[in-house]
């Protein structure tokens, strides 16, 4: 019985360490991409998956992304941006890129938006 308990504990630790969800995310943000600290291509999409009832705006490397260039999936509370020629940020810059999300409860409006920032590398 002790061996079974030890085995279950080991499995739980391995699953927890392998979990892709960061516990550093605010409650309102369920996932971001690219993953913080990852290395991606310069054309990789940026995305934010929000909890129910929230919405957000983003800036990339200090550049505010206009609403017309954001892709929103309202039913899933997801927001994404595609770096492409002709867009405000045509490609991610080499080395470190930082995305700042300003998120808020839809019912309260953007006046009380809270920022969350994460960074990753691009090549």
PDB file of N, CA and C in Angstrom:
ATOM      1  N   UNK A   1       0.825  -1.185   0.000  1.00  0.00           N
ATOM      2  CA  UNK A   1       0.000   0.000   0.000  1.00  0.00           C
ATOM      3  C   UNK A   1       0.882   1.265   0.000  1.00  0.00           C
ATOM      4  N   UNK A   2       1.967   1.215   0.745  1.00  0.00           N
ATOM      5  CA  UNK A   2       2.897   2.339   0.790  1.00  0.00           C
ATOM      6  C   UNK A   2       3.549   2.542  -0.584  1.00  0.00           C
ATOM      7  N   UNK A   3       3.881   1.456  -1.249  1.00  0.00           N
ATOM      8  CA  UNK A   3       4.484   1.547  -2.582  1.00  0.00           C
ATOM      9  C   UNK A   3       3.496   2.154  -3.579  1.00  0.00           C
ATOM     10  N   UNK A   4       2.231   1.783  -3.477  1.00  0.00           N
ATOM     11  CA  UNK A   4       1.210   2.340  -4.376  1.00  0.00           C
ATOM     12  C   UNK A   4       1.053   3.837  -4.142  1.00  0.00           C
ATOM     13  N   UNK A   5       1.063   4.257  -2.898  1.00  0.00           N
ATOM     14  CA  UNK A   5       0.957   5.679  -2.577  1.00  0.00           C
ATOM     15  C   UNK A   5       2.149   6.449  -3.122  1.00  0.00           C
ATOM     16  N   UNK A   6       3.342   5.874  -2.984  1.00  0.00           N
ATOM     17  CA  UNK A   6       4.549   6.524  -3.504  1.00  0.00           C
ATOM     18  C   UNK A   6       4.485   6.634  -5.025  1.00  0.00           C
ATOM     19  N   UNK A   7       3.985   5.600  -5.683  1.00  0.00           N
ATOM     20  CA  UNK A   7       3.867   5.630  -7.140  1.00  0.00           C
ATOM     21  C   UNK A   7       2.876   6.701  -7.585  1.00  0.00           C
ATOM     22  N   UNK A   8       1.741   6.789  -6.911  1.00  0.00           N
ATOM     23  CA  UNK A   8       0.757   7.818  -7.254  1.00  0.00           C
ATOM     24  C   UNK A   8       1.306   9.218  -7.036  1.00  0.00           C
ATOM     25  N   UNK A   9       2.052   9.411  -5.972  1.00  0.00           N
ATOM     26  CA  UNK A   9       2.666  10.710  -5.700  1.00  0.00           C
ATOM     27  C   UNK A   9       3.657  11.064  -6.805  1.00  0.00           C
ATOM     28  N   UNK A  10       4.463  10.113  -7.235  1.00  0.00           N
ATOM     29  CA  UNK A  10       5.440  10.348  -8.294  1.00  0.00           C
ATOM     30  C   UNK A  10       4.734  10.727  -9.598  1.00  0.00           C
ATOM     31  N   UNK A  11       3.682  10.016  -9.932  1.00  0.00           N
ATOM     32  CA  UNK A  11       2.927  10.318 -11.143  1.00  0.00           C
ATOM     33  C   UNK A  11       2.334  11.724 -11.058  1.00  0.00           C
ATOM     34  N   UNK A  12       1.786  12.095  -9.917  1.00  0.00           N
ATOM     35  CA  UNK A  12       1.207  13.429  -9.739  1.00  0.00           C
ATOM     36  C   UNK A  12       2.261  14.512  -9.928  1.00  0.00           C
ATOM     37  N   UNK A  13       3.465  14.311  -9.405  1.00  0.00           N
ATOM     38  CA  UNK A  13       4.539  15.294  -9.550  1.00  0.00           C
ATOM     39  C   UNK A  13       4.942  15.429 -11.008  1.00  0.00           C
ATOM     40  N   UNK A  14       5.068  14.317 -11.728  1.00  0.00           N
ATOM     41  CA  UNK A  14       5.457  14.357 -13.136  1.00  0.00           C
ATOM     42  C   UNK A  14       4.384  15.070 -13.960  1.00  0.00           C
ATOM     43  N   UNK A  15       3.122  14.764 -13.729  1.00  0.00           N
ATOM     44  CA  UNK A  15       2.037  15.412 -14.461  1.00  0.00           C
ATOM     45  C   UNK A  15       2.007  16.900 -14.156  1.00  0.00           C
ATOM     46  N   UNK A  16       2.171  17.286 -12.900  1.00  0.00           N
ATOM     47  CA  UNK A  16       2.163  18.695 -12.521  1.00  0.00           C
ATOM     48  C   UNK A  16       3.308  19.446 -13.191  1.00  0.00           C
ATOM     49  N   UNK A  17       4.513  18.873 -13.189  1.00  0.00           N
ATOM     50  CA  UNK A  17       5.668  19.542 -13.787  1.00  0.00           C
ATOM     51  C   UNK A  17       5.551  19.630 -15.297  1.00  0.00           C
ATOM     52  N   UNK A  18       4.860  18.683 -15.914  1.00  0.00           N
ATOM     53  CA  UNK A  18       4.712  18.684 -17.358  1.00  0.00           C
ATOM     54  C   UNK A  18       3.527  19.489 -17.837  1.00  0.00           C
ATOM     55  N   UNK A  19       2.771  20.056 -16.925  1.00  0.00           N
ATOM     56  CA  UNK A  19       1.581  20.809 -17.297  1.00  0.00           C
ATOM     57  C   UNK A  19       1.967  22.086 -18.023  1.00  0.00           C
ATOM     58  N   UNK A  20       1.396  22.356 -19.220  1.00  0.00           N
ATOM     59  CA  UNK A  20       1.759  23.543 -19.968  1.00  0.00           C
ATOM     60  C   UNK A  20       1.149  24.823 -19.410  1.00  0.00           C
ATOM     61  N   UNK A  21       0.157  24.740 -18.546  1.00  0.00           N
ATOM     62  CA  UNK A  21      -0.490  25.929 -18.014  1.00  0.00           C
ATOM     63  C   UNK A  21       0.361  26.548 -16.917  1.00  0.00           C
ATOM     64  N   UNK A  22       0.659  27.792 -17.084  1.00  0.00           N
ATOM     65  CA  UNK A  22       1.470  28.509 -16.107  1.00  0.00           C
ATOM     66  C   UNK A  22       0.605  28.938 -14.925  1.00  0.00           C
ATOM     67  N   UNK A  23       1.097  28.691 -13.731  1.00  0.00           N
ATOM     68  CA  UNK A  23       0.365  29.124 -12.548  1.00  0.00           C
ATOM     69  C   UNK A  23       0.612  30.600 -12.260  1.00  0.00           C
ATOM     70  N   UNK A  24       1.475  31.236 -13.056  1.00  0.00           N
ATOM     71  CA  UNK A  24       1.756  32.655 -12.872  1.00  0.00           C
ATOM     72  C   UNK A  24       0.720  33.541 -13.559  1.00  0.00           C
ATOM     73  N   UNK A  25      -0.194  32.946 -14.302  1.00  0.00           N
ATOM     74  CA  UNK A  25      -1.195  33.741 -15.006  1.00  0.00           C
ATOM     75  C   UNK A  25      -2.240  34.267 -14.041  1.00  0.00           C
ATOM     76  N   UNK A  26      -2.734  35.478 -14.288  1.00  0.00           N
ATOM     77  CA  UNK A  26      -3.846  35.993 -13.485  1.00  0.00           C
ATOM     78  C   UNK A  26      -5.081  35.115 -13.693  1.00  0.00           C
ATOM     79  N   UNK A  27      -5.998  35.159 -12.773  1.00  0.00           N
ATOM     80  CA  UNK A  27      -7.218  34.351 -12.849  1.00  0.00           C
ATOM     81  C   UNK A  27      -7.994  34.651 -14.134  1.00  0.00           C
ATOM     82  N   UNK A  28      -7.964  35.880 -14.595  1.00  0.00           N
ATOM     83  CA  UNK A  28      -8.719  36.275 -15.792  1.00  0.00           C
ATOM     84  C   UNK A  28      -8.119  35.744 -17.086  1.00  0.00           C
ATOM     85  N   UNK A  29      -6.873  35.306 -17.060  1.00  0.00           N
ATOM     86  CA  UNK A  29      -6.191  34.831 -18.265  1.00  0.00           C
ATOM     87  C   UNK A  29      -5.948  33.329 -18.137  1.00  0.00           C
ATOM     88  N   UNK A  30      -6.524  32.563 -19.062  1.00  0.00           N
ATOM     89  CA  UNK A  30      -6.398  31.117 -18.997  1.00  0.00           C
ATOM     90  C   UNK A  30      -5.163  30.606 -19.727  1.00  0.00           C
ATOM     91  N   UNK A  31      -4.758  31.288 -20.795  1.00  0.00           N
ATOM     92  CA  UNK A  31      -3.570  30.869 -21.544  1.00  0.00           C
ATOM     93  C   UNK A  31      -3.099  32.020 -22.411  1.00  0.00           C
ATOM     94  N   UNK A  32      -1.806  32.002 -22.724  1.00  0.00           N
ATOM     95  CA  UNK A  32      -1.212  32.974 -23.643  1.00  0.00           C
ATOM     96  C   UNK A  32      -0.302  32.226 -24.605  1.00  0.00           C
ATOM     97  N   UNK A  33      -0.083  32.832 -25.723  1.00  0.00           N
ATOM     98  CA  UNK A  33       0.836  32.231 -26.681  1.00  0.00           C
ATOM     99  C   UNK A  33       1.512  33.322 -27.486  1.00  0.00           C
ATOM    100  N   UNK A  34       2.734  33.105 -27.806  1.00  0.00           N
ATOM    101  CA  UNK A  34       3.594  31.988 -27.458  1.00  0.00           C
ATOM    102  C   UNK A  34       3.819  31.894 -25.945  1.00  0.00           C
ATOM    103  N   UNK A  35       4.188  30.718 -25.520  1.00  0.00           N
ATOM    104  CA  UNK A  35       4.458  30.488 -24.100  1.00  0.00           C
ATOM    105  C   UNK A  35       5.561  31.433 -23.620  1.00  0.00           C
ATOM    106  N   UNK A  36       5.445  31.949 -22.403  1.00  0.00           N
ATOM    107  CA  UNK A  36       6.515  32.789 -21.855  1.00  0.00           C
ATOM    108  C   UNK A  36       7.849  32.030 -21.879  1.00  0.00           C
ATOM    109  N   UNK A  37       8.885  32.720 -22.339  1.00  0.00           N
ATOM    110  CA  UNK A  37      10.219  32.134 -22.378  1.00  0.00           C
ATOM    111  C   UNK A  37      10.487  31.236 -23.567  1.00  0.00           C
ATOM    112  N   UNK A  38       9.508  31.042 -24.446  1.00  0.00           N
ATOM    113  CA  UNK A  38       9.712  30.144 -25.585  1.00  0.00           C
ATOM    114  C   UNK A  38      10.469  30.850 -26.705  1.00  0.00           C
ATOM    115  N   UNK A  39      10.858  30.076 -27.717  1.00  0.00           N
ATOM    116  CA  UNK A  39      11.537  30.609 -28.898  1.00  0.00           C
ATOM    117  C   UNK A  39      10.693  30.237 -30.105  1.00  0.00           C
ATOM    118  N   UNK A  40      10.237  31.243 -30.856  1.00  0.00           N
ATOM    119  CA  UNK A  40       9.295  31.027 -31.955  1.00  0.00           C
ATOM    120  C   UNK A  40       9.799  31.714 -33.229  1.00  0.00           C
ATOM    121  N   UNK A  41       9.093  31.476 -34.329  1.00  0.00           N
ATOM    122  CA  UNK A  41       9.397  32.149 -35.584  1.00  0.00           C
ATOM    123  C   UNK A  41       8.824  33.567 -35.574  1.00  0.00           C
ATOM    124  N   UNK A  42       9.354  34.440 -36.410  1.00  0.00           N
ATOM    125  CA  UNK A  42       8.949  35.854 -36.403  1.00  0.00           C
ATOM    126  C   UNK A  42       7.523  36.084 -36.908  1.00  0.00           C
ATOM    127  N   UNK A  43       6.895  35.096 -37.517  1.00  0.00           N
ATOM    128  CA  UNK A  43       5.519  35.222 -38.004  1.00  0.00           C
ATOM    129  C   UNK A  43       4.513  34.506 -37.108  1.00  0.00           C
ATOM    130  N   UNK A  44       4.924  34.086 -35.918  1.00  0.00           N
ATOM    131  CA  UNK A  44       4.047  33.349 -35.006  1.00  0.00           C
ATOM    132  C   UNK A  44       2.924  34.238 -34.484  1.00  0.00           C
ATOM    133  N   UNK A  45       1.708  33.676 -34.452  1.00  0.00           N
ATOM    134  CA  UNK A  45       0.550  34.405 -33.945  1.00  0.00           C
ATOM    135  C   UNK A  45       0.655  34.607 -32.438  1.00  0.00           C
ATOM    136  N   UNK A  46       0.116  35.723 -31.976  1.00  0.00           N
ATOM    137  CA  UNK A  46       0.004  36.047 -30.563  1.00  0.00           C
ATOM    138  C   UNK A  46      -1.438  35.761 -30.160  1.00  0.00           C
ATOM    139  N   UNK A  47      -1.654  35.098 -29.029  1.00  0.00           N
ATOM    140  CA  UNK A  47      -3.037  34.890 -28.604  1.00  0.00           C
ATOM    141  C   UNK A  47      -3.172  34.946 -27.097  1.00  0.00           C
ATOM    142  N   UNK A  48      -4.387  35.271 -26.678  1.00  0.00           N
ATOM    143  CA  UNK A  48      -4.755  35.320 -25.266  1.00  0.00           C
ATOM    144  C   UNK A  48      -6.110  34.634 -25.135  1.00  0.00           C
ATOM    145  N   UNK A  49      -6.202  33.717 -24.201  1.00  0.00           N
ATOM    146  CA  UNK A  49      -7.459  33.035 -23.895  1.00  0.00           C
ATOM    147  C   UNK A  49      -7.915  33.560 -22.536  1.00  0.00           C
ATOM    148  N   UNK A  50      -9.060  34.221 -22.511  1.00  0.00           N
ATOM    149  CA  UNK A  50      -9.553  34.885 -21.304  1.00  0.00           C
ATOM    150  C   UNK A  50     -10.655  34.079 -20.628  1.00  0.00           C
ATOM    151  N   UNK A  51     -10.814  34.300 -19.343  1.00  0.00           N
ATOM    152  CA  UNK A  51     -11.916  33.695 -18.597  1.00  0.00           C
ATOM    153  C   UNK A  51     -13.230  34.328 -19.047  1.00  0.00           C
ATOM    154  N   UNK A  52     -14.317  33.645 -18.792  1.00  0.00           N
ATOM    155  CA  UNK A  52     -15.649  34.134 -19.156  1.00  0.00           C
ATOM    156  C   UNK A  52     -15.896  35.494 -18.496  1.00  0.00           C
ATOM    157  N   UNK A  53     -16.415  36.422 -19.292  1.00  0.00           N
ATOM    158  CA  UNK A  53     -16.765  37.743 -18.773  1.00  0.00           C
ATOM    159  C   UNK A  53     -15.680  38.786 -18.949  1.00  0.00           C
ATOM    160  N   UNK A  54     -14.505  38.391 -19.508  1.00  0.00           N
ATOM    161  CA  UNK A  54     -13.403  39.325 -19.692  1.00  0.00           C
ATOM    162  C   UNK A  54     -13.163  39.593 -21.172  1.00  0.00           C
ATOM    163  N   UNK A  55     -12.568  40.738 -21.448  1.00  0.00           N
ATOM    164  CA  UNK A  55     -12.073  41.064 -22.770  1.00  0.00           C
ATOM    165  C   UNK A  55     -10.750  41.793 -22.590  1.00  0.00           C
ATOM    166  N   UNK A  56     -10.068  42.102 -23.691  1.00  0.00           N
ATOM    167  CA  UNK A  56      -8.728  42.683 -23.557  1.00  0.00           C
ATOM    168  C   UNK A  56      -8.302  43.391 -24.835  1.00  0.00           C
ATOM    169  N   UNK A  57      -7.257  44.174 -24.717  1.00  0.00           N
ATOM    170  CA  UNK A  57      -6.500  44.755 -25.820  1.00  0.00           C
ATOM    171  C   UNK A  57      -5.053  44.360 -25.613  1.00  0.00           C
ATOM    172  N   UNK A  58      -4.240  44.458 -26.664  1.00  0.00           N
ATOM    173  CA  UNK A  58      -2.825  44.090 -26.511  1.00  0.00           C
ATOM    174  C   UNK A  58      -1.922  45.122 -27.158  1.00  0.00           C
ATOM    175  N   UNK A  59      -0.688  45.151 -26.663  1.00  0.00           N
ATOM    176  CA  UNK A  59       0.378  45.824 -27.388  1.00  0.00           C
ATOM    177  C   UNK A  59       1.565  44.876 -27.450  1.00  0.00           C
ATOM    178  N   UNK A  60       2.323  45.022 -28.515  1.00  0.00           N
ATOM    179  CA  UNK A  60       3.486  44.172 -28.749  1.00  0.00           C
ATOM    180  C   UNK A  60       4.703  45.069 -28.801  1.00  0.00           C
ATOM    181  N   UNK A  61       5.646  44.829 -27.919  1.00  0.00           N
ATOM    182  CA  UNK A  61       6.870  45.633 -27.836  1.00  0.00           C
ATOM    183  C   UNK A  61       6.550  47.120 -27.729  1.00  0.00           C
ATOM    184  N   UNK A  62       5.499  47.438 -26.968  1.00  0.00           N
ATOM    185  CA  UNK A  62       5.127  48.828 -26.728  1.00  0.00           C
ATOM    186  C   UNK A  62       4.272  49.449 -27.814  1.00  0.00           C
ATOM    187  N   UNK A  63       3.886  48.678 -28.831  1.00  0.00           N
ATOM    188  CA  UNK A  63       3.069  49.200 -29.929  1.00  0.00           C
ATOM    189  C   UNK A  63       1.641  48.688 -29.767  1.00  0.00           C
ATOM    190  N   UNK A  64       0.691  49.619 -29.609  1.00  0.00           N
ATOM    191  CA  UNK A  64      -0.717  49.233 -29.449  1.00  0.00           C
ATOM    192  C   UNK A  64      -1.238  48.675 -30.766  1.00  0.00           C
ATOM    193  N   UNK A  65      -1.875  47.526 -30.681  1.00  0.00           N
ATOM    194  CA  UNK A  65      -2.448  46.895 -31.866  1.00  0.00           C
ATOM    195  C   UNK A  65      -3.870  47.427 -32.065  1.00  0.00           C
ATOM    196  N   UNK A  66      -4.160  48.000 -33.227  1.00  0.00           N
ATOM    197  CA  UNK A  66      -5.499  48.542 -33.468  1.00  0.00           C
ATOM    198  C   UNK A  66      -6.556  47.439 -33.499  1.00  0.00           C
ATOM    199  N   UNK A  67      -7.756  47.800 -33.102  1.00  0.00           N
ATOM    200  CA  UNK A  67      -8.873  46.851 -33.057  1.00  0.00           C
ATOM    201  C   UNK A  67      -9.086  46.158 -34.400  1.00  0.00           C
ATOM    202  N   UNK A  68      -8.919  46.877 -35.502  1.00  0.00           N
ATOM    203  CA  UNK A  68      -9.144  46.302 -36.828  1.00  0.00           C
ATOM    204  C   UNK A  68      -8.199  45.153 -37.152  1.00  0.00           C
ATOM    205  N   UNK A  69      -7.054  45.070 -36.453  1.00  0.00           N
ATOM    206  CA  UNK A  69      -6.081  44.012 -36.726  1.00  0.00           C
ATOM    207  C   UNK A  69      -6.169  42.852 -35.732  1.00  0.00           C
ATOM    208  N   UNK A  70      -7.043  42.986 -34.739  1.00  0.00           N
ATOM    209  CA  UNK A  70      -7.220  41.904 -33.758  1.00  0.00           C
ATOM    210  C   UNK A  70      -8.310  40.952 -34.245  1.00  0.00           C
ATOM    211  N   UNK A  71      -8.123  39.685 -33.970  1.00  0.00           N
ATOM    212  CA  UNK A  71      -9.141  38.683 -34.289  1.00  0.00           C
ATOM    213  C   UNK A  71      -9.726  38.206 -32.971  1.00  0.00           C
ATOM    214  N   UNK A  72     -11.028  38.434 -32.797  1.00  0.00           N
ATOM    215  CA  UNK A  72     -11.702  38.057 -31.558  1.00  0.00           C
ATOM    216  C   UNK A  72     -12.685  36.926 -31.817  1.00  0.00           C
ATOM    217  N   UNK A  73     -12.640  35.924 -30.939  1.00  0.00           N
ATOM    218  CA  UNK A  73     -13.632  34.849 -30.952  1.00  0.00           C
ATOM    219  C   UNK A  73     -14.440  35.048 -29.680  1.00  0.00           C
ATOM    220  N   UNK A  74     -15.564  35.771 -29.810  1.00  0.00           N
ATOM    221  CA  UNK A  74     -16.353  36.179 -28.650  1.00  0.00           C
ATOM    222  C   UNK A  74     -16.827  34.991 -27.815  1.00  0.00           C
ATOM    223  N   UNK A  75     -17.344  33.956 -28.441  1.00  0.00           N
ATOM    224  CA  UNK A  75     -17.880  32.818 -27.708  1.00  0.00           C
ATOM    225  C   UNK A  75     -16.845  32.075 -26.883  1.00  0.00           C
ATOM    226  N   UNK A  76     -15.575  32.170 -27.278  1.00  0.00           N
ATOM    227  CA  UNK A  76     -14.495  31.492 -26.556  1.00  0.00           C
ATOM    228  C   UNK A  76     -13.643  32.449 -25.734  1.00  0.00           C
ATOM    229  N   UNK A  77     -13.950  33.743 -25.805  1.00  0.00           N
ATOM    230  CA  UNK A  77     -13.168  34.779 -25.110  1.00  0.00           C
ATOM    231  C   UNK A  77     -11.692  34.715 -25.495  1.00  0.00           C
ATOM    232  N   UNK A  78     -11.435  34.580 -26.779  1.00  0.00           N
ATOM    233  CA  UNK A  78     -10.069  34.526 -27.280  1.00  0.00           C
ATOM    234  C   UNK A  78      -9.772  35.735 -28.146  1.00  0.00           C
ATOM    235  N   UNK A  79      -8.534  36.153 -28.107  1.00  0.00           N
ATOM    236  CA  UNK A  79      -8.052  37.318 -28.829  1.00  0.00           C
ATOM    237  C   UNK A  79      -6.730  36.922 -29.466  1.00  0.00           C
ATOM    238  N   UNK A  80      -6.548  37.238 -30.753  1.00  0.00           N
ATOM    239  CA  UNK A  80      -5.278  36.904 -31.394  1.00  0.00           C
ATOM    240  C   UNK A  80      -4.858  38.003 -32.365  1.00  0.00           C
ATOM    241  N   UNK A  81      -3.575  37.955 -32.703  1.00  0.00           N
ATOM    242  CA  UNK A  81      -2.989  38.898 -33.649  1.00  0.00           C
ATOM    243  C   UNK A  81      -2.015  38.133 -34.534  1.00  0.00           C
ATOM    244  N   UNK A  82      -2.076  38.404 -35.833  1.00  0.00           N
ATOM    245  CA  UNK A  82      -1.185  37.748 -36.787  1.00  0.00           C
ATOM    246  C   UNK A  82      -0.184  38.771 -37.316  1.00  0.00           C
ATOM    247  N   UNK A  83       1.092  38.621 -36.970  1.00  0.00           N
ATOM    248  CA  UNK A  83       2.099  39.508 -37.563  1.00  0.00           C
ATOM    249  C   UNK A  83       2.213  39.211 -39.065  1.00  0.00           C
ATOM    250  N   UNK A  84       1.831  40.168 -39.893  1.00  0.00           N
ATOM    251  CA  UNK A  84       1.853  40.001 -41.348  1.00  0.00           C
ATOM    252  C   UNK A  84       2.232  41.336 -41.984  1.00  0.00           C
ATOM    253  N   UNK A  85       2.775  41.285 -43.203  1.00  0.00           N
ATOM    254  CA  UNK A  85       3.083  42.512 -43.943  1.00  0.00           C
ATOM    255  C   UNK A  85       1.809  43.345 -44.067  1.00  0.00           C
ATOM    256  N   UNK A  86       1.933  44.627 -43.847  1.00  0.00           N
ATOM    257  CA  UNK A  86       0.786  45.524 -43.903  1.00  0.00           C
ATOM    258  C   UNK A  86       0.131  45.751 -42.551  1.00  0.00           C
ATOM    259  N   UNK A  87       0.430  44.917 -41.552  1.00  0.00           N
ATOM    260  CA  UNK A  87      -0.100  45.120 -40.204  1.00  0.00           C
ATOM    261  C   UNK A  87       0.825  46.027 -39.403  1.00  0.00           C
ATOM    262  N   UNK A  88       0.335  46.505 -38.286  1.00  0.00           N
ATOM    263  CA  UNK A  88       1.105  47.414 -37.437  1.00  0.00           C
ATOM    264  C   UNK A  88       2.446  46.795 -37.039  1.00  0.00           C
ATOM    265  N   UNK A  89       2.443  45.529 -36.668  1.00  0.00           N
ATOM    266  CA  UNK A  89       3.676  44.788 -36.372  1.00  0.00           C
ATOM    267  C   UNK A  89       3.769  43.687 -37.433  1.00  0.00           C
ATOM    268  N   UNK A  90       4.561  43.917 -38.497  1.00  0.00           N
ATOM    269  CA  UNK A  90       4.597  42.948 -39.603  1.00  0.00           C
ATOM    270  C   UNK A  90       5.299  41.636 -39.253  1.00  0.00           C
ATOM    271  N   UNK A  91       6.199  41.690 -38.308  1.00  0.00           N
ATOM    272  CA  UNK A  91       6.890  40.473 -37.847  1.00  0.00           C
ATOM    273  C   UNK A  91       7.446  40.753 -36.463  1.00  0.00           C
ATOM    274  N   UNK A  92       7.601  39.690 -35.709  1.00  0.00           N
ATOM    275  CA  UNK A  92       8.204  39.831 -34.391  1.00  0.00           C
ATOM    276  C   UNK A  92       9.683  40.125 -34.572  1.00  0.00           C
ATOM    277  N   UNK A  93      10.242  40.926 -33.706  1.00  0.00           N
ATOM    278  CA  UNK A  93      11.649  41.292 -33.851  1.00  0.00           C
ATOM    279  C   UNK A  93      12.546  40.145 -33.386  1.00  0.00           C
ATOM    280  N   UNK A  94      13.757  40.078 -33.919  1.00  0.00           N
ATOM    281  CA  UNK A  94      14.693  39.043 -33.466  1.00  0.00           C
ATOM    282  C   UNK A  94      14.979  39.228 -31.974  1.00  0.00           C
ATOM    283  N   UNK A  95      15.234  38.156 -31.308  1.00  0.00           N
ATOM    284  CA  UNK A  95      15.498  38.135 -29.876  1.00  0.00           C
ATOM    285  C   UNK A  95      14.206  38.345 -29.091  1.00  0.00           C
ATOM    286  N   UNK A  96      14.253  39.126 -28.015  1.00  0.00           N
ATOM    287  CA  UNK A  96      13.119  39.185 -27.092  1.00  0.00           C
ATOM    288  C   UNK A  96      11.980  40.072 -27.589  1.00  0.00           C
ATOM    289  N   UNK A  97      10.759  39.550 -27.424  1.00  0.00           N
ATOM    290  CA  UNK A  97       9.521  40.277 -27.697  1.00  0.00           C
ATOM    291  C   UNK A  97       8.674  40.203 -26.440  1.00  0.00           C
ATOM    292  N   UNK A  98       7.992  41.289 -26.126  1.00  0.00           N
ATOM    293  CA  UNK A  98       7.111  41.306 -24.954  1.00  0.00           C
ATOM    294  C   UNK A  98       5.720  41.754 -25.372  1.00  0.00           C
ATOM    295  N   UNK A  99       4.732  41.043 -24.877  1.00  0.00           N
ATOM    296  CA  UNK A  99       3.329  41.359 -25.148  1.00  0.00           C
ATOM    297  C   UNK A  99       2.702  41.803 -23.834  1.00  0.00           C
ATOM    298  N   UNK A 100       1.970  42.899 -23.902  1.00  0.00           N
ATOM    299  CA  UNK A 100       1.242  43.369 -22.723  1.00  0.00           C
ATOM    300  C   UNK A 100      -0.243  43.333 -23.052  1.00  0.00           C
ATOM    301  N   UNK A 101      -0.968  42.634 -22.201  1.00  0.00           N
ATOM    302  CA  UNK A 101      -2.414  42.505 -22.333  1.00  0.00           C
ATOM    303  C   UNK A 101      -3.052  43.414 -21.294  1.00  0.00           C
ATOM    304  N   UNK A 102      -4.012  44.211 -21.720  1.00  0.00           N
ATOM    305  CA  UNK A 102      -4.817  45.013 -20.803  1.00  0.00           C
ATOM    306  C   UNK A 102      -6.184  44.347 -20.767  1.00  0.00           C
ATOM    307  N   UNK A 103      -6.516  43.699 -19.660  1.00  0.00           N
ATOM    308  CA  UNK A 103      -7.773  42.948 -19.584  1.00  0.00           C
ATOM    309  C   UNK A 103      -8.701  43.566 -18.547  1.00  0.00           C
ATOM    310  N   UNK A 104     -10.016  43.364 -18.763  1.00  0.00           N
ATOM    311  CA  UNK A 104     -11.023  43.905 -17.851  1.00  0.00           C
ATOM    312  C   UNK A 104     -12.310  43.101 -17.970  1.00  0.00           C
ATOM    313  N   UNK A 105     -13.118  43.211 -16.920  1.00  0.00           N
ATOM    314  CA  UNK A 105     -14.451  42.628 -16.961  1.00  0.00           C
ATOM    315  C   UNK A 105     -15.289  43.425 -17.944  1.00  0.00           C
ATOM    316  N   UNK A 106     -15.963  42.745 -18.832  1.00  0.00           N
ATOM    317  CA  UNK A 106     -16.776  43.415 -19.848  1.00  0.00           C
ATOM    318  C   UNK A 106     -17.797  44.337 -19.188  1.00  0.00           C
ATOM    319  N   UNK A 107     -18.414  43.889 -18.107  1.00  0.00           N
ATOM    320  CA  UNK A 107     -19.445  44.668 -17.419  1.00  0.00           C
ATOM    321  C   UNK A 107     -18.903  45.961 -16.807  1.00  0.00           C
ATOM    322  N   UNK A 108     -17.591  46.022 -16.536  1.00  0.00           N
ATOM    323  CA  UNK A 108     -17.021  47.207 -15.897  1.00  0.00           C
ATOM    324  C   UNK A 108     -16.367  48.171 -16.876  1.00  0.00           C
ATOM    325  N   UNK A 109     -16.063  47.733 -18.072  1.00  0.00           N
ATOM    326  CA  UNK A 109     -15.456  48.602 -19.067  1.00  0.00           C
ATOM    327  C   UNK A 109     -13.945  48.712 -18.924  1.00  0.00           C
ATOM    328  N   UNK A 110     -13.290  49.281 -19.929  1.00  0.00           N
ATOM    329  CA  UNK A 110     -11.826  49.316 -19.982  1.00  0.00           C
ATOM    330  C   UNK A 110     -11.157  50.324 -19.048  1.00  0.00           C
ATOM    331  N   UNK A 111     -11.923  51.175 -18.384  1.00  0.00           N
ATOM    332  CA  UNK A 111     -11.313  52.187 -17.515  1.00  0.00           C
ATOM    333  C   UNK A 111     -10.462  51.558 -16.405  1.00  0.00           C
ATOM    334  N   UNK A 112     -10.879  50.412 -15.912  1.00  0.00           N
ATOM    335  CA  UNK A 112     -10.138  49.749 -14.840  1.00  0.00           C
ATOM    336  C   UNK A 112      -9.303  48.579 -15.327  1.00  0.00           C
ATOM    337  N   UNK A 113      -8.812  48.644 -16.568  1.00  0.00           N
ATOM    338  CA  UNK A 113      -8.039  47.544 -17.150  1.00  0.00           C
ATOM    339  C   UNK A 113      -6.784  47.256 -16.341  1.00  0.00           C
ATOM    340  N   UNK A 114      -6.452  45.977 -16.265  1.00  0.00           N
ATOM    341  CA  UNK A 114      -5.271  45.510 -15.548  1.00  0.00           C
ATOM    342  C   UNK A 114      -4.271  44.976 -16.570  1.00  0.00           C
ATOM    343  N   UNK A 115      -2.992  45.366 -16.460  1.00  0.00           N
ATOM    344  CA  UNK A 115      -2.010  44.856 -17.429  1.00  0.00           C
ATOM    345  C   UNK A 115      -1.385  43.532 -16.974  1.00  0.00           C
ATOM    346  N   UNK A 116      -1.043  42.722 -17.946  1.00  0.00           N
ATOM    347  CA  UNK A 116      -0.247  41.507 -17.716  1.00  0.00           C
ATOM    348  C   UNK A 116       0.743  41.418 -18.872  1.00  0.00           C
ATOM    349  N   UNK A 117       2.022  41.193 -18.572  1.00  0.00           N
ATOM    350  CA  UNK A 117       3.067  41.155 -19.584  1.00  0.00           C
ATOM    351  C   UNK A 117       3.792  39.821 -19.558  1.00  0.00           C
ATOM    352  N   UNK A 118       4.093  39.310 -20.731  1.00  0.00           N
ATOM    353  CA  UNK A 118       4.971  38.140 -20.837  1.00  0.00           C
ATOM    354  C   UNK A 118       5.895  38.340 -22.032  1.00  0.00           C
ATOM    355  N   UNK A 119       7.041  37.648 -21.996  1.00  0.00           N
ATOM    356  CA  UNK A 119       8.059  37.804 -23.033  1.00  0.00           C
ATOM    357  C   UNK A 119       8.495  36.441 -23.561  1.00  0.00           C
ATOM    358  N   UNK A 120       8.987  36.447 -24.783  1.00  0.00           N
ATOM    359  CA  UNK A 120       9.476  35.258 -25.458  1.00  0.00           C
ATOM    360  C   UNK A 120      10.482  35.708 -26.509  1.00  0.00           C
ATOM    361  N   UNK A 121      11.204  34.783 -27.107  1.00  0.00           N
ATOM    362  CA  UNK A 121      12.177  35.099 -28.129  1.00  0.00           C
ATOM    363  C   UNK A 121      11.661  34.693 -29.506  1.00  0.00           C
ATOM    364  N   UNK A 122      12.074  35.410 -30.537  1.00  0.00           N
ATOM    365  CA  UNK A 122      11.727  35.068 -31.911  1.00  0.00           C
ATOM    366  C   UNK A 122      12.996  35.059 -32.754  1.00  0.00           C
ATOM    367  N   UNK A 123      12.957  34.266 -33.796  1.00  0.00           N
ATOM    368  CA  UNK A 123      14.116  34.204 -34.701  1.00  0.00           C
ATOM    369  C   UNK A 123      13.646  34.184 -36.134  1.00  0.00           C
TER     370      UNK A 123
END
